[in-house]
Amino acid sequence: MHNVVKDYYGNVLTGSEDLQTNACCTDDDLSPRVKSILSNIHDEVMARYYGCGLVTPELLTGCNVLDLGCGAGRDCYAIAQMVGEQGSVTGVDMTDEQLAVADKHVEFHREKFGYQQPNTRFLKGYIEKLDELNISDNSMDVVISNCVINLSPDKHAVLKEVFRILKAGGEIYFSDVYADKRVPAHLKDDPLLYGECLSGALYWNDFENLAKAVGFIEPRLVSSRVITVDNDELAQKLGDIRFTSATYRLFKAQELETSAQDYGQQVTYLGTIEEHECKWHFDENTAFSKGQTVSVSGNTWRTLKQSRFAKHFEFSGNFDKHQGLFDVKQHEFDFEITKAEQSSGCCAPAPTAKSSCC
């Protein structure tokens, strides 16, 4: 399957118009700030972009970031502007044609960004084998990935390696494709279905169990978006299997429990996360408004306190008194219809963060 993916993304695709589904989508919903950032990226790098939205977690200044499946480097060069000169971005990909484009423009972007030294590097290798690339334990603040993990034949190895290289309190924030049921083995052998990010997709529940098994105890769904298959031949092959493009955040946090428990703890958001001064959506079911004290589970309390978001909150409570299960809403995956876009004016009810798309 590695060779199938290399050929599909190195030779078959020439642009997003060659894709057969909307598993990948355009940048229509990006903020003006992100569009400005993308305008600084070299035209050749942008031309090797296959229609994927940009995965942009909050608070990246000064972070060391790893991009799994970086392709020609578009997302790396965008994130390089967000982390600043004191941060770094490492891109990993296995496709020679893509990496050649990424490497070619390192110096162009250093000058464009006004940095003394490049803060971006690209490594050839497999996302299942980051240890072979000498990426050290506990060395990355954030890992991002955009519709790539589904292309891996060994997703357990990918997540295990990500957990190894993340610093304590770090996170992987990524978009990918998931199915509403397990994809039959014979469909996984179809190169077009696999290259289109469909037949390699995990059943969403299998993914969550896999994430928990490697140490990401509480996977947090940020958003999801239905995927449509406009090619009749592909749709017929897939039958009744439905797909969603979902964004997750997984934290390397310590002492989390397998289910959310209530200890009477509370947090107060200070309103100091840039571009989220009024309200910050942590995940699909968890949002914090400035100055409002809210009850949280022990897992959420510990995750926030160990993460780069800690200084943006006031924490109260301890673990002295257990009060039973914390009331947590069930995940809601979008497998049927696209959710209506909501108004996001400052200090108005903000929408759940949109999927960055795949």
Protein backbone atom coordinates (compact mmCIF):
# COMPACT_ATOMS: atom_id res chain seq x y z
CA MET A 1 0.00 0.00 0.00
CA HIS A 2 2.95 2.35 0.51
CA ASN A 3 3.77 2.00 -3.19
CA VAL A 4 0.14 2.60 -4.16
CA VAL A 5 0.08 5.84 -2.17
CA LYS A 6 3.46 6.98 -3.51
CA ASP A 7 2.30 6.51 -7.09
CA TYR A 8 -1.10 8.11 -6.54
CA TYR A 9 0.23 11.25 -4.87
CA GLY A 10 3.51 11.41 -6.75
CA ASN A 11 2.32 10.70 -10.29
CA VAL A 12 -1.43 10.20 -10.73
CA LEU A 13 -2.70 13.40 -9.11
CA THR A 14 -1.76 16.73 -10.64
CA GLY A 15 -4.22 18.86 -8.67
CA SER A 16 -7.38 18.77 -6.56
CA GLU A 17 -9.53 18.57 -9.70
CA ASP A 18 -8.28 14.99 -10.16
CA LEU A 19 -9.87 13.82 -6.91
CA GLN A 20 -13.00 11.67 -7.12
CA THR A 21 -14.67 12.61 -3.81
CA ASN A 22 -14.99 15.58 -1.47
CA ALA A 23 -12.89 13.81 1.16
CA CYS A 24 -10.67 16.75 0.34
CA CYS A 25 -12.23 20.19 0.32
CA THR A 26 -11.27 23.75 -0.54
CA ASP A 27 -10.09 26.62 1.63
CA ASP A 28 -13.32 28.62 1.34
CA ASP A 29 -13.89 28.68 5.12
CA LEU A 30 -10.42 29.77 6.18
CA SER A 31 -10.08 32.98 8.18
CA PRO A 32 -8.60 36.13 6.62
CA ARG A 33 -5.49 35.62 8.78
CA VAL A 34 -4.92 32.10 7.47
CA LYS A 35 -5.56 33.18 3.88
CA SER A 36 -2.94 35.89 4.36
CA ILE A 37 -0.50 33.29 5.68
CA LEU A 38 -1.12 31.05 2.66
CA SER A 39 -0.48 33.98 0.32
CA ASN A 40 3.16 33.98 1.49
CA ILE A 41 3.77 30.44 0.24
CA HIS A 42 5.56 29.78 -3.06
CA ASP A 43 3.33 29.14 -6.08
CA GLU A 44 4.96 25.80 -6.88
CA VAL A 45 4.26 24.53 -3.37
CA MET A 46 0.65 25.66 -3.64
CA ALA A 47 0.32 23.98 -7.04
CA ARG A 48 1.15 20.61 -5.45
CA TYR A 49 -1.69 21.00 -3.00
CA TYR A 50 -4.61 18.60 -3.42
CA GLY A 51 -7.48 20.58 -1.97
CA CYS A 52 -7.00 19.79 1.74
CA GLY A 53 -7.97 22.40 4.31
CA LEU A 54 -5.41 23.58 6.85
CA VAL A 55 -5.14 21.97 10.29
CA THR A 56 -4.44 24.85 12.68
CA PRO A 57 -4.63 24.19 16.42
CA GLU A 58 -4.42 27.19 18.72
CA LEU A 59 -1.38 28.62 20.53
CA LEU A 60 1.46 27.52 18.27
CA THR A 61 3.91 30.35 18.95
CA GLY A 62 7.30 28.91 19.91
CA CYS A 63 6.15 25.28 19.50
CA ASN A 64 8.00 22.41 17.88
CA VAL A 65 5.52 20.95 15.39
CA LEU A 66 5.63 17.74 13.33
CA ASP A 67 3.51 17.34 10.19
CA LEU A 68 2.76 13.71 9.28
CA GLY A 69 2.53 13.28 5.51
CA CYS A 70 3.63 16.81 4.69
CA GLY A 71 3.59 16.41 0.90
CA ALA A 72 5.06 19.43 -0.86
CA GLY A 73 5.12 21.37 2.40
CA ARG A 74 2.20 23.76 2.13
CA ASP A 75 0.96 23.17 5.67
CA CYS A 76 4.52 23.20 7.04
CA TYR A 77 5.22 26.60 5.53
CA ALA A 78 1.92 27.91 6.87
CA ILE A 79 2.57 26.58 10.39
CA ALA A 80 6.15 27.91 10.18
CA GLN A 81 4.67 31.41 10.22
CA MET A 82 2.48 30.57 13.22
CA VAL A 83 5.22 29.09 15.40
CA GLY A 84 7.54 32.00 14.63
CA GLU A 85 11.30 32.04 14.39
CA GLN A 86 11.73 30.50 17.84
CA GLY A 87 9.56 27.51 16.91
CA SER A 88 10.20 24.75 14.40
CA VAL A 89 8.31 22.64 11.91
CA THR A 90 9.37 19.18 10.72
CA GLY A 91 7.61 17.58 7.77
CA VAL A 92 7.71 13.85 7.12
CA ASP A 93 6.71 12.25 3.83
CA MET A 94 7.62 9.18 1.77
CA THR A 95 7.00 10.63 -1.71
CA ASP A 96 10.12 11.84 -3.54
CA GLU A 97 8.25 14.06 -5.99
CA GLN A 98 6.50 15.94 -3.19
CA LEU A 99 9.57 16.31 -0.98
CA ALA A 100 11.63 17.66 -3.88
CA VAL A 101 9.23 20.59 -4.15
CA ALA A 102 9.20 21.15 -0.39
CA ASP A 103 13.01 21.12 -0.08
CA LYS A 104 13.48 23.36 -3.09
CA HIS A 105 11.84 26.34 -1.40
CA VAL A 106 13.20 26.32 2.15
CA GLU A 107 15.40 29.36 1.53
CA PHE A 108 12.66 31.24 -0.34
CA HIS A 109 10.38 30.97 2.69
CA ARG A 110 13.10 31.88 5.18
CA GLU A 111 13.57 35.16 3.30
CA LYS A 112 9.83 35.67 2.84
CA PHE A 113 9.20 35.27 6.56
CA GLY A 114 12.19 37.45 7.51
CA TYR A 115 13.87 34.75 9.62
CA GLN A 116 17.62 34.60 10.27
CA GLN A 117 17.56 30.80 9.98
CA PRO A 118 15.04 28.42 8.39
CA ASN A 119 12.66 26.98 10.96
CA THR A 120 11.39 24.26 8.61
CA ARG A 121 12.95 20.93 7.61
CA PHE A 122 11.74 17.92 5.64
CA LEU A 123 12.53 14.26 6.22
CA LYS A 124 11.92 11.31 3.92
CA GLY A 125 10.44 8.36 5.74
CA TYR A 126 7.37 6.54 6.93
CA ILE A 127 5.02 7.95 9.53
CA GLU A 128 4.93 4.49 11.14
CA LYS A 129 8.72 4.61 11.66
CA LEU A 130 9.55 8.01 13.11
CA ASP A 131 12.23 6.33 15.24
CA GLU A 132 14.20 5.66 12.04
CA LEU A 133 14.28 9.43 11.41
CA ASN A 134 15.94 10.13 14.78
CA ILE A 135 12.95 12.08 16.10
CA SER A 136 13.56 11.95 19.84
CA ASP A 137 11.21 10.92 22.64
CA ASN A 138 9.26 13.82 24.18
CA SER A 139 10.54 16.31 21.59
CA MET A 140 7.39 17.70 19.95
CA ASP A 141 4.79 20.06 21.39
CA VAL A 142 2.23 19.43 18.67
CA VAL A 143 1.75 16.91 15.86
CA ILE A 144 -0.57 17.69 12.97
CA SER A 145 -1.80 15.54 10.11
CA ASN A 146 -4.21 16.17 7.29
CA CYS A 147 -5.96 13.15 5.83
CA VAL A 148 -2.87 10.93 5.93
CA ILE A 149 -3.22 8.43 8.78
CA ASN A 150 -5.99 6.61 6.88
CA LEU A 151 -3.40 5.91 4.15
CA SER A 152 -1.12 4.09 6.57
CA PRO A 153 -1.25 0.27 6.61
CA ASP A 154 -0.27 0.26 10.31
CA LYS A 155 -2.23 2.93 12.16
CA HIS A 156 -1.33 1.46 15.56
CA ALA A 157 2.35 2.08 14.82
CA VAL A 158 1.61 5.66 13.75
CA LEU A 159 -0.22 6.54 16.95
CA LYS A 160 2.33 4.72 19.12
CA GLU A 161 5.17 6.71 17.54
CA VAL A 162 3.25 9.98 17.91
CA PHE A 163 2.70 9.26 21.60
CA ARG A 164 6.43 8.56 22.00
CA ILE A 165 7.64 11.81 20.45
CA LEU A 166 5.10 14.13 22.07
CA LYS A 167 6.13 16.06 25.16
CA ALA A 168 4.05 15.61 28.29
CA GLY A 169 0.92 17.71 27.81
CA GLY A 170 1.42 17.80 24.03
CA GLU A 171 -1.22 16.91 21.50
CA ILE A 172 -1.85 15.56 18.04
CA TYR A 173 -4.47 17.69 16.31
CA PHE A 174 -5.50 16.19 13.01
CA SER A 175 -8.19 15.62 10.41
CA ASP A 176 -8.83 12.25 8.81
CA VAL A 177 -11.48 10.03 7.25
CA TYR A 178 -13.56 7.53 9.22
CA ALA A 179 -16.25 5.02 8.26
CA ASP A 180 -19.53 4.26 9.99
CA LYS A 181 -18.68 0.54 9.83
CA ARG A 182 -15.62 -1.61 9.16
CA VAL A 183 -14.47 -1.53 5.53
CA PRO A 184 -14.26 -5.04 3.97
CA ALA A 185 -10.77 -6.33 3.19
CA HIS A 186 -11.36 -6.62 -0.57
CA LEU A 187 -12.04 -2.88 -0.85
CA LYS A 188 -8.72 -2.09 0.78
CA ASP A 189 -6.97 -3.69 -2.21
CA ASP A 190 -8.56 -1.20 -4.62
CA PRO A 191 -5.83 1.40 -5.39
CA LEU A 192 -8.27 4.14 -6.36
CA LEU A 193 -10.44 3.73 -3.27
CA TYR A 194 -7.33 3.62 -1.11
CA GLY A 195 -5.71 6.64 -2.76
CA GLU A 196 -8.95 8.58 -2.36
CA CYS A 197 -8.67 8.11 1.44
CA LEU A 198 -11.74 5.88 1.65
CA SER A 199 -10.95 2.16 1.86
CA GLY A 200 -8.10 2.72 4.32
CA ALA A 201 -10.41 4.56 6.71
CA LEU A 202 -10.98 3.06 10.13
CA TYR A 203 -14.38 2.46 11.67
CA TRP A 204 -14.54 5.44 14.06
CA ASN A 205 -15.02 3.29 17.16
CA ASP A 206 -12.02 1.11 16.25
CA PHE A 207 -9.96 4.29 15.94
CA GLU A 208 -10.95 5.56 19.39
CA ASN A 209 -10.11 2.21 20.98
CA LEU A 210 -6.77 2.17 19.17
CA ALA A 211 -5.96 5.68 20.38
CA LYS A 212 -6.75 4.70 23.96
CA ALA A 213 -4.60 1.57 23.70
CA VAL A 214 -1.43 3.55 22.91
CA GLY A 215 -2.00 6.10 25.71
CA PHE A 216 -4.37 8.74 24.35
CA ILE A 217 -6.96 7.92 26.99
CA GLU A 218 -9.63 10.45 26.06
CA PRO A 219 -9.91 11.14 22.31
CA ARG A 220 -11.69 14.45 21.75
CA LEU A 221 -13.77 14.93 18.63
CA VAL A 222 -13.60 18.55 17.48
CA SER A 223 -15.90 18.37 14.45
CA SER A 224 -16.94 16.23 11.51
CA ARG A 225 -18.19 16.73 7.97
CA VAL A 226 -19.99 14.25 5.73
CA ILE A 227 -18.07 12.94 2.73
CA THR A 228 -19.88 12.48 -0.56
CA VAL A 229 -18.73 10.18 -3.36
CA ASP A 230 -19.68 11.75 -6.68
CA ASN A 231 -18.17 8.98 -8.81
CA ASP A 232 -20.94 6.43 -9.47
CA GLU A 233 -18.51 3.55 -9.97
CA LEU A 234 -16.81 4.18 -6.63
CA ALA A 235 -20.13 4.67 -4.88
CA GLN A 236 -21.37 1.31 -6.17
CA LYS A 237 -18.25 -0.43 -4.88
CA LEU A 238 -18.65 1.12 -1.44
CA GLY A 239 -22.29 0.15 -1.09
CA ASP A 240 -23.84 1.32 2.19
CA ILE A 241 -20.58 2.37 3.86
CA ARG A 242 -20.71 6.04 4.86
CA PHE A 243 -17.73 8.27 5.55
CA THR A 244 -16.97 11.41 7.52
CA SER A 245 -14.02 13.77 7.64
CA ALA A 246 -13.42 14.31 11.36
CA THR A 247 -11.01 16.44 13.34
CA TYR A 248 -9.70 15.01 16.61
CA ARG A 249 -7.33 16.23 19.30
CA LEU A 250 -5.51 13.64 21.40
CA PHE A 251 -3.47 14.74 24.42
CA LYS A 252 -0.52 13.02 26.06
CA ALA A 253 -1.84 13.66 29.55
CA GLN A 254 -1.05 11.79 32.75
CA GLU A 255 -3.42 10.20 35.30
CA LEU A 256 -6.50 10.28 33.09
CA GLU A 257 -9.31 7.84 33.85
CA THR A 258 -10.94 5.60 31.25
CA SER A 259 -14.22 7.49 31.69
CA ALA A 260 -14.93 11.07 32.75
CA GLN A 261 -15.42 11.33 36.50
CA ASP A 262 -16.81 14.16 38.61
CA TYR A 263 -14.75 15.58 41.49
CA GLY A 264 -16.49 18.94 41.68
CA GLN A 265 -13.69 20.74 39.87
CA GLN A 266 -14.10 23.98 37.98
CA VAL A 267 -12.15 26.16 35.57
CA THR A 268 -12.47 29.78 34.48
CA TYR A 269 -11.36 30.82 31.00
CA LEU A 270 -9.40 34.09 31.02
CA GLY A 271 -10.18 35.01 27.41
CA THR A 272 -6.53 35.20 26.46
CA ILE A 273 -6.29 32.74 23.55
CA GLU A 274 -5.72 34.81 20.42
CA GLU A 275 -8.72 34.92 18.06
CA HIS A 276 -10.83 33.21 20.75
CA GLU A 277 -11.06 36.02 23.27
CA CYS A 278 -14.82 35.64 23.81
CA LYS A 279 -15.25 31.90 23.61
CA TRP A 280 -12.94 28.96 22.96
CA HIS A 281 -14.20 25.59 21.74
CA PHE A 282 -12.01 22.87 23.20
CA ASP A 283 -13.90 20.08 21.46
CA GLU A 284 -17.33 19.36 20.00
CA ASN A 285 -19.06 19.37 23.38
CA THR A 286 -16.81 21.62 25.47
CA ALA A 287 -16.68 25.40 25.13
CA PHE A 288 -15.40 28.04 27.55
CA SER A 289 -16.64 31.63 27.68
CA LYS A 290 -14.44 34.40 29.02
CA GLY A 291 -14.81 34.95 32.75
CA GLN A 292 -17.35 32.15 33.19
CA THR A 293 -16.59 29.50 35.82
CA VAL A 294 -17.77 26.06 34.69
CA SER A 295 -17.67 22.55 36.09
CA VAL A 296 -15.40 20.08 34.29
CA SER A 297 -14.51 16.42 34.62
CA GLY A 298 -11.33 15.36 36.33
CA ASN A 299 -9.95 14.36 32.93
CA THR A 300 -10.61 17.77 31.39
CA TRP A 301 -9.16 19.51 34.46
CA ARG A 302 -5.96 17.45 34.27
CA THR A 303 -5.66 17.72 30.48
CA LEU A 304 -5.93 21.51 30.50
CA LYS A 305 -3.60 21.88 33.48
CA GLN A 306 -0.86 19.80 31.82
CA SER A 307 -1.21 21.42 28.39
CA ARG A 308 0.01 24.64 26.80
CA PHE A 309 -3.46 26.07 27.54
CA ALA A 310 -2.96 26.02 31.33
CA LYS A 311 -1.96 29.68 31.70
CA HIS A 312 -5.21 30.73 30.04
CA PHE A 313 -7.33 29.26 32.84
CA GLU A 314 -7.86 29.52 36.57
CA PHE A 315 -8.28 26.10 38.22
CA SER A 316 -10.20 25.24 41.36
CA GLY A 317 -10.86 22.00 43.19
CA ASN A 318 -8.95 18.80 43.84
CA PHE A 319 -9.48 15.05 43.73
CA ASP A 320 -10.42 14.58 47.38
CA LYS A 321 -14.11 13.80 46.86
CA HIS A 322 -15.46 11.64 44.06
CA GLN A 323 -19.02 12.45 42.97
CA GLY A 324 -19.59 9.77 40.35
CA LEU A 325 -19.59 9.90 36.56
CA PHE A 326 -19.34 13.29 34.89
CA ASP A 327 -22.20 13.95 32.48
CA VAL A 328 -20.58 13.93 29.04
CA LYS A 329 -22.46 14.14 25.76
CA GLN A 330 -21.95 11.36 23.24
CA HIS A 331 -19.95 12.01 20.08
CA GLU A 332 -22.02 13.06 17.10
CA PHE A 333 -20.45 12.12 13.78
CA ASP A 334 -21.72 13.70 10.60
CA PHE A 335 -22.35 10.78 8.26
CA GLU A 336 -25.47 12.04 6.51
CA ILE A 337 -25.89 15.80 6.10
CA THR A 338 -23.58 18.76 6.40
CA LYS A 339 -24.28 20.77 9.52
CA ALA A 340 -25.53 24.29 8.87
CA GLU A 341 -22.94 26.95 9.38
CA GLN A 342 -23.63 29.09 12.42
CA SER A 343 -22.86 32.74 13.10
CA SER A 344 -19.54 33.25 14.83
CA GLY A 345 -19.56 36.93 15.74
CA CYS A 346 -17.43 37.84 18.73
CA CYS A 347 -19.21 37.28 22.01
CA ALA A 348 -22.10 35.62 20.16
CA PRO A 349 -22.61 31.86 20.42
CA ALA A 350 -19.65 30.48 18.49
CA PRO A 351 -19.96 27.45 16.25
CA THR A 352 -18.21 24.20 16.89
CA ALA A 353 -14.89 24.46 15.11
CA LYS A 354 -15.20 23.34 11.54
CA SER A 355 -13.32 20.31 10.34
CA SER A 356 -10.13 21.39 8.66
CA CYS A 357 -11.12 18.80 6.07
CA CYS A 358 -9.01 16.13 4.45
